[in-house]
Amino acid sequence: MKILIIGATGTIGKHITAALQKDHDDPILTGTSISTMNGAINGFVKGAAIELENGVRINAVGPDIVEESTAYFSYFPGHVPVTMSRVTHAYIKSALGGQTGQIYKVL
């Protein structure tokens, strides 16, 4: 499992986006550790958002299985793959929007 933290500094201020691998509210078979980690990240994002100072914002993006990830489709039975374009837009919204403490689910 990989967790990616992206930090960006620009005219909009400082921002952190945590990348989740799967929504913890809809776990998959054999995905207990991923669901646990994502639940912890969601809690951290919401908690940190009210403690960060100096305009620093934090959000998370949690896409469902992405269309290009065909090798993993068998792990996600019944899930409708999302486009990479939708995932990209969620990251843009997270980084360039004014919100903080948000979990952007891409389903």
C-alpha atoms as a PDB file:
ATOM      1  CA  MET A   1       0.000   0.000   0.000  1.00  0.00           C
ATOM      2  CA  LYS A   2       1.274   3.452  -0.875  1.00  0.00           C
ATOM      3  CA  ILE A   3       0.176   6.720   0.644  1.00  0.00           C
ATOM      4  CA  LEU A   4       1.183   9.835  -1.201  1.00  0.00           C
ATOM      5  CA  ILE A   5       1.300  13.249   0.395  1.00  0.00           C
ATOM      6  CA  ILE A   6       1.443  16.164  -2.011  1.00  0.00           C
ATOM      7  CA  GLY A   7       2.345  19.616  -0.761  1.00  0.00           C
ATOM      8  CA  ALA A   8       1.968  22.748  -2.830  1.00  0.00           C
ATOM      9  CA  THR A   9       2.885  26.344  -2.106  1.00  0.00           C
ATOM     10  CA  GLY A  10       1.768  29.163  -4.343  1.00  0.00           C
ATOM     11  CA  THR A  11      -0.275  32.313  -4.452  1.00  0.00           C
ATOM     12  CA  ILE A  12      -3.208  30.422  -2.959  1.00  0.00           C
ATOM     13  CA  GLY A  13      -1.186  29.569   0.143  1.00  0.00           C
ATOM     14  CA  LYS A  14       0.035  26.258   1.496  1.00  0.00           C
ATOM     15  CA  HIS A  15      -1.871  23.067   0.918  1.00  0.00           C
ATOM     16  CA  ILE A  16      -1.534  19.339   1.647  1.00  0.00           C
ATOM     17  CA  THR A  17      -3.496  16.618  -0.140  1.00  0.00           C
ATOM     18  CA  ALA A  18      -3.466  13.061   1.158  1.00  0.00           C
ATOM     19  CA  ALA A  19      -4.100  10.454  -1.521  1.00  0.00           C
ATOM     20  CA  LEU A  20      -6.202   7.501  -0.421  1.00  0.00           C
ATOM     21  CA  GLN A  21      -6.312   4.237  -2.319  1.00  0.00           C
ATOM     22  CA  LYS A  22      -9.922   3.351  -1.598  1.00  0.00           C
ATOM     23  CA  ASP A  23     -12.871   4.739   0.290  1.00  0.00           C
ATOM     24  CA  HIS A  24     -12.793   3.193   3.790  1.00  0.00           C
ATOM     25  CA  ASP A  25     -16.605   3.265   3.969  1.00  0.00           C
ATOM     26  CA  ASP A  26     -16.822   0.643   1.195  1.00  0.00           C
ATOM     27  CA  PRO A  27     -14.128  -1.930   1.993  1.00  0.00           C
ATOM     28  CA  ILE A  28     -13.095  -4.726  -0.342  1.00  0.00           C
ATOM     29  CA  LEU A  29     -12.385  -8.361   0.491  1.00  0.00           C
ATOM     30  CA  THR A  30      -8.815  -8.709   1.873  1.00  0.00           C
ATOM     31  CA  GLY A  31      -8.636  -4.908   2.179  1.00  0.00           C
ATOM     32  CA  THR A  32      -8.813  -4.537   5.971  1.00  0.00           C
ATOM     33  CA  SER A  33      -5.413  -2.875   6.259  1.00  0.00           C
ATOM     34  CA  ILE A  34      -6.193  -0.401   3.470  1.00  0.00           C
ATOM     35  CA  SER A  35      -9.575   0.462   4.992  1.00  0.00           C
ATOM     36  CA  THR A  36      -7.985   0.927   8.415  1.00  0.00           C
ATOM     37  CA  MET A  37      -5.237   3.191   7.067  1.00  0.00           C
ATOM     38  CA  ASN A  38      -7.665   5.247   4.988  1.00  0.00           C
ATOM     39  CA  GLY A  39      -9.990   5.680   7.975  1.00  0.00           C
ATOM     40  CA  ALA A  40      -7.036   6.953  10.003  1.00  0.00           C
ATOM     41  CA  ILE A  41      -6.035   9.366   7.232  1.00  0.00           C
ATOM     42  CA  ASN A  42      -9.599  10.674   6.981  1.00  0.00           C
ATOM     43  CA  GLY A  43      -9.642  11.322  10.729  1.00  0.00           C
ATOM     44  CA  PHE A  44      -6.238  12.987  10.590  1.00  0.00           C
ATOM     45  CA  VAL A  45      -7.295  15.284   7.738  1.00  0.00           C
ATOM     46  CA  LYS A  46     -10.421  16.421   9.587  1.00  0.00           C
ATOM     47  CA  GLY A  47      -8.557  16.890  12.883  1.00  0.00           C
ATOM     48  CA  ALA A  48      -5.535  18.626  11.385  1.00  0.00           C
ATOM     49  CA  ALA A  49      -7.734  21.002   9.404  1.00  0.00           C
ATOM     50  CA  ILE A  50      -8.895  22.734  12.571  1.00  0.00           C
ATOM     51  CA  GLU A  51      -5.382  22.920  14.027  1.00  0.00           C
ATOM     52  CA  LEU A  52      -3.282  24.046  11.061  1.00  0.00           C
ATOM     53  CA  GLU A  53      -2.266  27.690  11.193  1.00  0.00           C
ATOM     54  CA  ASN A  54      -1.201  30.421   8.790  1.00  0.00           C
ATOM     55  CA  GLY A  55      -3.660  29.480   6.065  1.00  0.00           C
ATOM     56  CA  VAL A  56      -2.385  25.928   5.599  1.00  0.00           C
ATOM     57  CA  ARG A  57      -5.154  23.704   4.250  1.00  0.00           C
ATOM     58  CA  ILE A  58      -5.423  19.914   4.166  1.00  0.00           C
ATOM     59  CA  ASN A  59      -7.762  17.630   2.199  1.00  0.00           C
ATOM     60  CA  ALA A  60      -7.820  14.036   0.939  1.00  0.00           C
ATOM     61  CA  VAL A  61      -8.815  12.462  -2.361  1.00  0.00           C
ATOM     62  CA  GLY A  62     -10.176   8.911  -2.372  1.00  0.00           C
ATOM     63  CA  PRO A  63     -10.956   7.519  -5.808  1.00  0.00           C
ATOM     64  CA  ASP A  64     -12.628   4.191  -6.516  1.00  0.00           C
ATOM     65  CA  ILE A  65     -10.870   1.859  -8.959  1.00  0.00           C
ATOM     66  CA  VAL A  66      -9.542   3.826 -11.952  1.00  0.00           C
ATOM     67  CA  GLU A  67     -10.359   2.728 -15.513  1.00  0.00           C
ATOM     68  CA  GLU A  68      -6.695   2.286 -16.414  1.00  0.00           C
ATOM     69  CA  SER A  69      -6.114  -0.144 -13.505  1.00  0.00           C
ATOM     70  CA  THR A  70      -7.526  -3.178 -15.292  1.00  0.00           C
ATOM     71  CA  ALA A  71      -5.166  -5.585 -13.481  1.00  0.00           C
ATOM     72  CA  TYR A  72      -6.997  -4.801 -10.206  1.00  0.00           C
ATOM     73  CA  PHE A  73     -10.622  -5.023 -11.410  1.00  0.00           C
ATOM     74  CA  SER A  74     -11.044  -8.512  -9.917  1.00  0.00           C
ATOM     75  CA  TYR A  75     -10.426  -7.046  -6.425  1.00  0.00           C
ATOM     76  CA  PHE A  76     -13.330  -4.615  -6.868  1.00  0.00           C
ATOM     77  CA  PRO A  77     -16.350  -6.693  -7.954  1.00  0.00           C
ATOM     78  CA  GLY A  78     -19.411  -4.562  -8.603  1.00  0.00           C
ATOM     79  CA  HIS A  79     -17.464  -1.295  -8.598  1.00  0.00           C
ATOM     80  CA  VAL A  80     -17.796   1.038 -11.559  1.00  0.00           C
ATOM     81  CA  PRO A  81     -14.341   2.282 -12.607  1.00  0.00           C
ATOM     82  CA  VAL A  82     -13.807   6.053 -12.597  1.00  0.00           C
ATOM     83  CA  THR A  83     -11.937   8.042 -15.209  1.00  0.00           C
ATOM     84  CA  MET A  84      -8.525   9.500 -14.527  1.00  0.00           C
ATOM     85  CA  SER A  85      -9.998  12.834 -15.614  1.00  0.00           C
ATOM     86  CA  ARG A  86     -12.432  12.751 -12.662  1.00  0.00           C
ATOM     87  CA  VAL A  87      -9.583  11.879 -10.275  1.00  0.00           C
ATOM     88  CA  THR A  88      -7.497  14.735 -11.689  1.00  0.00           C
ATOM     89  CA  HIS A  89     -10.354  17.194 -11.207  1.00  0.00           C
ATOM     90  CA  ALA A  90     -10.699  16.117  -7.568  1.00  0.00           C
ATOM     91  CA  TYR A  91      -6.994  16.854  -6.995  1.00  0.00           C
ATOM     92  CA  ILE A  92      -7.339  20.238  -8.686  1.00  0.00           C
ATOM     93  CA  LYS A  93     -10.343  21.063  -6.504  1.00  0.00           C
ATOM     94  CA  SER A  94      -8.412  19.969  -3.420  1.00  0.00           C
ATOM     95  CA  ALA A  95      -5.328  22.020  -4.261  1.00  0.00           C
ATOM     96  CA  LEU A  96      -6.874  25.138  -5.770  1.00  0.00           C
ATOM     97  CA  GLY A  97     -10.208  25.352  -3.945  1.00  0.00           C
ATOM     98  CA  GLY A  98     -10.558  27.140  -0.643  1.00  0.00           C
ATOM     99  CA  GLN A  99     -11.833  24.182   1.358  1.00  0.00           C
ATOM    100  CA  THR A 100      -9.992  22.419   4.148  1.00  0.00           C
ATOM    101  CA  GLY A 101     -10.695  19.218   6.040  1.00  0.00           C
ATOM    102  CA  GLN A 102     -12.547  17.700   3.090  1.00  0.00           C
ATOM    103  CA  ILE A 103     -12.506  14.113   1.843  1.00  0.00           C
ATOM    104  CA  TYR A 104     -13.187  14.155  -1.904  1.00  0.00           C
ATOM    105  CA  LYS A 105     -14.603  10.768  -2.894  1.00  0.00           C
ATOM    106  CA  VAL A 106     -14.387  10.002  -6.594  1.00  0.00           C
ATOM    107  CA  LEU A 107     -16.999   7.329  -7.234  1.00  0.00           C
END
